[in-house]
Amino acid sequence: MIVLDSSPLIYLGKSNALFIIRELYRKALIPPLVYKEVVEVGRRKGFEDAEAVKNEIGGLLIVQHPHEEG
């Protein structure tokens, strides 16, 4: 499973292209700090891409430390 950092999530969310992750990898893992940066901070600042990413949590995107198994 691929591990994503903040930048690809932000840019894919802004361009309504998060579906590309599903097409290429099915699911992706994001570390908790990336979730905090993209979703929590982004929502506080009113960024629409933060909502798009949040809507994919638990389906396309899994919040987990990369070294944990799950």
PDB file of N, CA and C in Angstrom:
ATOM      1  N   MET A   1       0.853  -1.178   0.000  1.00  0.00           N
ATOM      2  CA  MET A   1       0.000   0.000   0.000  1.00  0.00           C
ATOM      3  C   MET A   1       0.897   1.240   0.000  1.00  0.00           C
ATOM      4  N   ILE A   2       0.516   2.228  -0.756  1.00  0.00           N
ATOM      5  CA  ILE A   2       1.291   3.461  -0.850  1.00  0.00           C
ATOM      6  C   ILE A   2       1.036   4.342   0.373  1.00  0.00           C
ATOM      7  N   VAL A   3       2.056   5.092   0.771  1.00  0.00           N
ATOM      8  CA  VAL A   3       1.946   6.061   1.858  1.00  0.00           C
ATOM      9  C   VAL A   3       2.035   7.448   1.229  1.00  0.00           C
ATOM     10  N   LEU A   4       1.052   8.292   1.527  1.00  0.00           N
ATOM     11  CA  LEU A   4       1.010   9.627   0.930  1.00  0.00           C
ATOM     12  C   LEU A   4       1.359  10.705   1.940  1.00  0.00           C
ATOM     13  N   ASP A   5       2.020  11.725   1.440  1.00  0.00           N
ATOM     14  CA  ASP A   5       2.334  12.913   2.218  1.00  0.00           C
ATOM     15  C   ASP A   5       1.274  13.980   1.923  1.00  0.00           C
ATOM     16  N   SER A   6       1.400  15.107   2.555  1.00  0.00           N
ATOM     17  CA  SER A   6       0.396  16.167   2.435  1.00  0.00           C
ATOM     18  C   SER A   6       0.239  16.718   1.022  1.00  0.00           C
ATOM     19  N   SER A   7       1.335  17.012   0.352  1.00  0.00           N
ATOM     20  CA  SER A   7       1.258  17.686  -0.952  1.00  0.00           C
ATOM     21  C   SER A   7       0.401  16.963  -1.976  1.00  0.00           C
ATOM     22  N   PRO A   8       0.600  15.656  -2.209  1.00  0.00           N
ATOM     23  CA  PRO A   8      -0.257  15.005  -3.202  1.00  0.00           C
ATOM     24  C   PRO A   8      -1.733  15.018  -2.808  1.00  0.00           C
ATOM     25  N   LEU A   9      -2.013  14.871  -1.524  1.00  0.00           N
ATOM     26  CA  LEU A   9      -3.410  14.907  -1.078  1.00  0.00           C
ATOM     27  C   LEU A   9      -4.034  16.276  -1.322  1.00  0.00           C
ATOM     28  N   ILE A  10      -3.294  17.309  -1.004  1.00  0.00           N
ATOM     29  CA  ILE A  10      -3.812  18.664  -1.187  1.00  0.00           C
ATOM     30  C   ILE A  10      -4.061  18.945  -2.665  1.00  0.00           C
ATOM     31  N   TYR A  11      -3.088  18.639  -3.515  1.00  0.00           N
ATOM     32  CA  TYR A  11      -3.239  18.944  -4.940  1.00  0.00           C
ATOM     33  C   TYR A  11      -4.303  18.081  -5.605  1.00  0.00           C
ATOM     34  N   LEU A  12      -4.364  16.815  -5.254  1.00  0.00           N
ATOM     35  CA  LEU A  12      -5.414  15.962  -5.821  1.00  0.00           C
ATOM     36  C   LEU A  12      -6.789  16.387  -5.315  1.00  0.00           C
ATOM     37  N   GLY A  13      -6.869  16.782  -4.052  1.00  0.00           N
ATOM     38  CA  GLY A  13      -8.138  17.259  -3.506  1.00  0.00           C
ATOM     39  C   GLY A  13      -8.593  18.548  -4.164  1.00  0.00           C
ATOM     40  N   LYS A  14      -7.661  19.475  -4.370  1.00  0.00           N
ATOM     41  CA  LYS A  14      -8.000  20.755  -5.007  1.00  0.00           C
ATOM     42  C   LYS A  14      -8.490  20.561  -6.436  1.00  0.00           C
ATOM     43  N   SER A  15      -7.954  19.564  -7.117  1.00  0.00           N
ATOM     44  CA  SER A  15      -8.323  19.347  -8.524  1.00  0.00           C
ATOM     45  C   SER A  15      -9.410  18.283  -8.678  1.00  0.00           C
ATOM     46  N   ASN A  16     -10.052  17.897  -7.564  1.00  0.00           N
ATOM     47  CA  ASN A  16     -11.097  16.860  -7.591  1.00  0.00           C
ATOM     48  C   ASN A  16     -10.608  15.584  -8.266  1.00  0.00           C
ATOM     49  N   ALA A  17      -9.386  15.195  -7.963  1.00  0.00           N
ATOM     50  CA  ALA A  17      -8.781  14.044  -8.626  1.00  0.00           C
ATOM     51  C   ALA A  17      -8.319  12.970  -7.648  1.00  0.00           C
ATOM     52  N   LEU A  18      -8.917  12.910  -6.459  1.00  0.00           N
ATOM     53  CA  LEU A  18      -8.540  11.861  -5.509  1.00  0.00           C
ATOM     54  C   LEU A  18      -8.813  10.466  -6.070  1.00  0.00           C
ATOM     55  N   PHE A  19      -9.716  10.370  -7.035  1.00  0.00           N
ATOM     56  CA  PHE A  19     -10.031   9.082  -7.659  1.00  0.00           C
ATOM     57  C   PHE A  19      -8.801   8.446  -8.309  1.00  0.00           C
ATOM     58  N   ILE A  20      -7.819   9.247  -8.661  1.00  0.00           N
ATOM     59  CA  ILE A  20      -6.600   8.711  -9.279  1.00  0.00           C
ATOM     60  C   ILE A  20      -5.904   7.746  -8.326  1.00  0.00           C
ATOM     61  N   ILE A  21      -5.948   8.056  -7.036  1.00  0.00           N
ATOM     62  CA  ILE A  21      -5.340   7.157  -6.045  1.00  0.00           C
ATOM     63  C   ILE A  21      -6.006   5.793  -6.123  1.00  0.00           C
ATOM     64  N   ARG A  22      -7.327   5.776  -6.203  1.00  0.00           N
ATOM     65  CA  ARG A  22      -8.074   4.513  -6.275  1.00  0.00           C
ATOM     66  C   ARG A  22      -7.711   3.748  -7.549  1.00  0.00           C
ATOM     67  N   GLU A  23      -7.614   4.455  -8.660  1.00  0.00           N
ATOM     68  CA  GLU A  23      -7.299   3.806  -9.931  1.00  0.00           C
ATOM     69  C   GLU A  23      -5.900   3.201  -9.936  1.00  0.00           C
ATOM     70  N   LEU A  24      -4.963   3.859  -9.282  1.00  0.00           N
ATOM     71  CA  LEU A  24      -3.582   3.381  -9.288  1.00  0.00           C
ATOM     72  C   LEU A  24      -3.274   2.392  -8.165  1.00  0.00           C
ATOM     73  N   TYR A  25      -3.841   2.626  -6.976  1.00  0.00           N
ATOM     74  CA  TYR A  25      -3.429   1.851  -5.800  1.00  0.00           C
ATOM     75  C   TYR A  25      -4.572   1.204  -5.029  1.00  0.00           C
ATOM     76  N   ARG A  26      -5.791   1.482  -5.336  1.00  0.00           N
ATOM     77  CA  ARG A  26      -6.997   1.056  -4.619  1.00  0.00           C
ATOM     78  C   ARG A  26      -7.185   1.787  -3.303  1.00  0.00           C
ATOM     79  N   LYS A  27      -6.170   1.759  -2.439  1.00  0.00           N
ATOM     80  CA  LYS A  27      -6.223   2.451  -1.146  1.00  0.00           C
ATOM     81  C   LYS A  27      -4.857   3.058  -0.875  1.00  0.00           C
ATOM     82  N   ALA A  28      -4.833   4.023   0.029  1.00  0.00           N
ATOM     83  CA  ALA A  28      -3.573   4.656   0.409  1.00  0.00           C
ATOM     84  C   ALA A  28      -3.572   4.908   1.907  1.00  0.00           C
ATOM     85  N   LEU A  29      -2.392   4.890   2.452  1.00  0.00           N
ATOM     86  CA  LEU A  29      -2.206   5.127   3.874  1.00  0.00           C
ATOM     87  C   LEU A  29      -1.709   6.557   4.067  1.00  0.00           C
ATOM     88  N   ILE A  30      -2.261   7.248   5.044  1.00  0.00           N
ATOM     89  CA  ILE A  30      -1.732   8.560   5.410  1.00  0.00           C
ATOM     90  C   ILE A  30      -1.430   8.559   6.907  1.00  0.00           C
ATOM     91  N   PRO A  31      -0.244   9.016   7.273  1.00  0.00           N
ATOM     92  CA  PRO A  31       0.111   9.088   8.687  1.00  0.00           C
ATOM     93  C   PRO A  31      -0.770  10.101   9.426  1.00  0.00           C
ATOM     94  N   PRO A  32      -0.948   9.916  10.735  1.00  0.00           N
ATOM     95  CA  PRO A  32      -1.781  10.836  11.517  1.00  0.00           C
ATOM     96  C   PRO A  32      -1.368  12.304  11.402  1.00  0.00           C
ATOM     97  N   LEU A  33      -0.076  12.582  11.321  1.00  0.00           N
ATOM     98  CA  LEU A  33       0.355  13.978  11.190  1.00  0.00           C
ATOM     99  C   LEU A  33      -0.063  14.574   9.851  1.00  0.00           C
ATOM    100  N   VAL A  34      -0.087  13.764   8.811  1.00  0.00           N
ATOM    101  CA  VAL A  34      -0.553  14.228   7.504  1.00  0.00           C
ATOM    102  C   VAL A  34      -2.048  14.517   7.580  1.00  0.00           C
ATOM    103  N   TYR A  35      -2.801  13.635   8.233  1.00  0.00           N
ATOM    104  CA  TYR A  35      -4.238  13.871   8.424  1.00  0.00           C
ATOM    105  C   TYR A  35      -4.463  15.202   9.138  1.00  0.00           C
ATOM    106  N   LYS A  36      -3.710  15.417  10.207  1.00  0.00           N
ATOM    107  CA  LYS A  36      -3.867  16.654  10.976  1.00  0.00           C
ATOM    108  C   LYS A  36      -3.580  17.871  10.105  1.00  0.00           C
ATOM    109  N   GLU A  37      -2.488  17.814   9.346  1.00  0.00           N
ATOM    110  CA  GLU A  37      -2.106  18.951   8.504  1.00  0.00           C
ATOM    111  C   GLU A  37      -3.127  19.215   7.397  1.00  0.00           C
ATOM    112  N   VAL A  38      -3.535  18.164   6.715  1.00  0.00           N
ATOM    113  CA  VAL A  38      -4.415  18.333   5.554  1.00  0.00           C
ATOM    114  C   VAL A  38      -5.865  18.567   5.970  1.00  0.00           C
ATOM    115  N   VAL A  39      -6.374  17.756   6.879  1.00  0.00           N
ATOM    116  CA  VAL A  39      -7.797  17.815   7.209  1.00  0.00           C
ATOM    117  C   VAL A  39      -8.084  18.794   8.346  1.00  0.00           C
ATOM    118  N   GLU A  40      -7.480  18.597   9.485  1.00  0.00           N
ATOM    119  CA  GLU A  40      -7.824  19.432  10.643  1.00  0.00           C
ATOM    120  C   GLU A  40      -7.431  20.894  10.440  1.00  0.00           C
ATOM    121  N   VAL A  41      -6.187  21.123  10.047  1.00  0.00           N
ATOM    122  CA  VAL A  41      -5.740  22.498   9.818  1.00  0.00           C
ATOM    123  C   VAL A  41      -6.446  23.076   8.594  1.00  0.00           C
ATOM    124  N   GLY A  42      -6.572  22.275   7.551  1.00  0.00           N
ATOM    125  CA  GLY A  42      -7.247  22.735   6.339  1.00  0.00           C
ATOM    126  C   GLY A  42      -8.694  23.137   6.581  1.00  0.00           C
ATOM    127  N   ARG A  43      -9.408  22.368   7.383  1.00  0.00           N
ATOM    128  CA  ARG A  43     -10.814  22.704   7.688  1.00  0.00           C
ATOM    129  C   ARG A  43     -10.903  23.998   8.487  1.00  0.00           C
ATOM    130  N   ARG A  44      -9.983  24.172   9.445  1.00  0.00           N
ATOM    131  CA  ARG A  44      -9.977  25.415  10.229  1.00  0.00           C
ATOM    132  C   ARG A  44      -9.746  26.635   9.335  1.00  0.00           C
ATOM    133  N   LYS A  45      -8.960  26.440   8.284  1.00  0.00           N
ATOM    134  CA  LYS A  45      -8.664  27.544   7.359  1.00  0.00           C
ATOM    135  C   LYS A  45      -9.694  27.647   6.236  1.00  0.00           C
ATOM    136  N   GLY A  46     -10.656  26.729   6.207  1.00  0.00           N
ATOM    137  CA  GLY A  46     -11.727  26.796   5.222  1.00  0.00           C
ATOM    138  C   GLY A  46     -11.373  26.261   3.843  1.00  0.00           C
ATOM    139  N   PHE A  47     -10.365  25.399   3.749  1.00  0.00           N
ATOM    140  CA  PHE A  47      -9.951  24.848   2.458  1.00  0.00           C
ATOM    141  C   PHE A  47     -10.881  23.714   2.042  1.00  0.00           C
ATOM    142  N   GLU A  48     -11.452  23.817   0.855  1.00  0.00           N
ATOM    143  CA  GLU A  48     -12.384  22.800   0.364  1.00  0.00           C
ATOM    144  C   GLU A  48     -11.720  21.444   0.172  1.00  0.00           C
ATOM    145  N   ASP A  49     -10.445  21.432  -0.185  1.00  0.00           N
ATOM    146  CA  ASP A  49      -9.760  20.155  -0.381  1.00  0.00           C
ATOM    147  C   ASP A  49      -9.698  19.362   0.919  1.00  0.00           C
ATOM    148  N   ALA A  50      -9.729  20.033   2.057  1.00  0.00           N
ATOM    149  CA  ALA A  50      -9.717  19.339   3.346  1.00  0.00           C
ATOM    150  C   ALA A  50     -10.970  18.486   3.498  1.00  0.00           C
ATOM    151  N   GLU A  51     -12.108  19.008   3.079  1.00  0.00           N
ATOM    152  CA  GLU A  51     -13.360  18.237   3.143  1.00  0.00           C
ATOM    153  C   GLU A  51     -13.325  17.059   2.177  1.00  0.00           C
ATOM    154  N   ALA A  52     -12.775  17.277   0.996  1.00  0.00           N
ATOM    155  CA  ALA A  52     -12.693  16.197   0.009  1.00  0.00           C
ATOM    156  C   ALA A  52     -11.848  15.048   0.546  1.00  0.00           C
ATOM    157  N   VAL A  53     -10.728  15.372   1.174  1.00  0.00           N
ATOM    158  CA  VAL A  53      -9.860  14.342   1.752  1.00  0.00           C
ATOM    159  C   VAL A  53     -10.572  13.677   2.921  1.00  0.00           C
ATOM    160  N   LYS A  54     -11.197  14.455   3.791  1.00  0.00           N
ATOM    161  CA  LYS A  54     -11.907  13.886   4.949  1.00  0.00           C
ATOM    162  C   LYS A  54     -12.974  12.890   4.512  1.00  0.00           C
ATOM    163  N   ASN A  55     -13.665  13.191   3.432  1.00  0.00           N
ATOM    164  CA  ASN A  55     -14.722  12.304   2.943  1.00  0.00           C
ATOM    165  C   ASN A  55     -14.198  10.948   2.477  1.00  0.00           C
ATOM    166  N   GLU A  56     -12.911  10.859   2.198  1.00  0.00           N
ATOM    167  CA  GLU A  56     -12.315   9.596   1.738  1.00  0.00           C
ATOM    168  C   GLU A  56     -11.698   8.775   2.870  1.00  0.00           C
ATOM    169  N   ILE A  57     -11.671   9.330   4.088  1.00  0.00           N
ATOM    170  CA  ILE A  57     -11.089   8.621   5.226  1.00  0.00           C
ATOM    171  C   ILE A  57     -11.961   7.417   5.571  1.00  0.00           C
ATOM    172  N   GLY A  58     -11.319   6.285   5.760  1.00  0.00           N
ATOM    173  CA  GLY A  58     -12.030   5.052   6.094  1.00  0.00           C
ATOM    174  C   GLY A  58     -12.390   4.234   4.870  1.00  0.00           C
ATOM    175  N   GLY A  59     -12.258   4.813   3.720  1.00  0.00           N
ATOM    176  CA  GLY A  59     -12.514   4.097   2.466  1.00  0.00           C
ATOM    177  C   GLY A  59     -11.229   4.053   1.663  1.00  0.00           C
ATOM    178  N   LEU A  60     -11.061   5.052   0.835  1.00  0.00           N
ATOM    179  CA  LEU A  60      -9.864   5.173   0.008  1.00  0.00           C
ATOM    180  C   LEU A  60      -8.622   5.436   0.852  1.00  0.00           C
ATOM    181  N   LEU A  61      -8.753   6.272   1.857  1.00  0.00           N
ATOM    182  CA  LEU A  61      -7.614   6.689   2.676  1.00  0.00           C
ATOM    183  C   LEU A  61      -7.706   6.108   4.080  1.00  0.00           C
ATOM    184  N   ILE A  62      -6.603   5.550   4.526  1.00  0.00           N
ATOM    185  CA  ILE A  62      -6.527   4.944   5.855  1.00  0.00           C
ATOM    186  C   ILE A  62      -5.517   5.734   6.673  1.00  0.00           C
ATOM    187  N   VAL A  63      -5.948   6.237   7.823  1.00  0.00           N
ATOM    188  CA  VAL A  63      -5.052   6.980   8.711  1.00  0.00           C
ATOM    189  C   VAL A  63      -4.382   5.982   9.640  1.00  0.00           C
ATOM    190  N   GLN A  64      -3.063   5.904   9.525  1.00  0.00           N
ATOM    191  CA  GLN A  64      -2.315   4.910  10.305  1.00  0.00           C
ATOM    192  C   GLN A  64      -0.832   5.229  10.182  1.00  0.00           C
ATOM    193  N   HIS A  65      -0.080   4.948  11.231  1.00  0.00           N
ATOM    194  CA  HIS A  65       1.374   5.066  11.138  1.00  0.00           C
ATOM    195  C   HIS A  65       1.859   4.027  10.134  1.00  0.00           C
ATOM    196  N   PRO A  66       2.780   4.377   9.259  1.00  0.00           N
ATOM    197  CA  PRO A  66       3.233   3.442   8.221  1.00  0.00           C
ATOM    198  C   PRO A  66       3.784   2.121   8.743  1.00  0.00           C
ATOM    199  N   HIS A  67       4.340   2.104   9.932  1.00  0.00           N
ATOM    200  CA  HIS A  67       4.935   0.870  10.448  1.00  0.00           C
ATOM    201  C   HIS A  67       3.926  -0.058  11.117  1.00  0.00           C
ATOM    202  N   GLU A  68       2.697   0.416  11.353  1.00  0.00           N
ATOM    203  CA  GLU A  68       1.663  -0.426  11.964  1.00  0.00           C
ATOM    204  C   GLU A  68       1.048  -1.337  10.921  1.00  0.00           C
ATOM    205  N   GLU A  69       0.676  -2.532  11.334  1.00  0.00           N
ATOM    206  CA  GLU A  69      -0.038  -3.426  10.430  1.00  0.00           C
ATOM    207  C   GLU A  69      -1.522  -3.276  10.675  1.00  0.00           C
ATOM    208  N   GLY A  70      -2.309  -3.448   9.598  1.00  0.00           N
ATOM    209  CA  GLY A  70      -3.728  -3.298   9.806  1.00  0.00           C
ATOM    210  C   GLY A  70      -4.547  -3.817   8.717  1.00  0.00           C
TER     211      GLY A  70
END
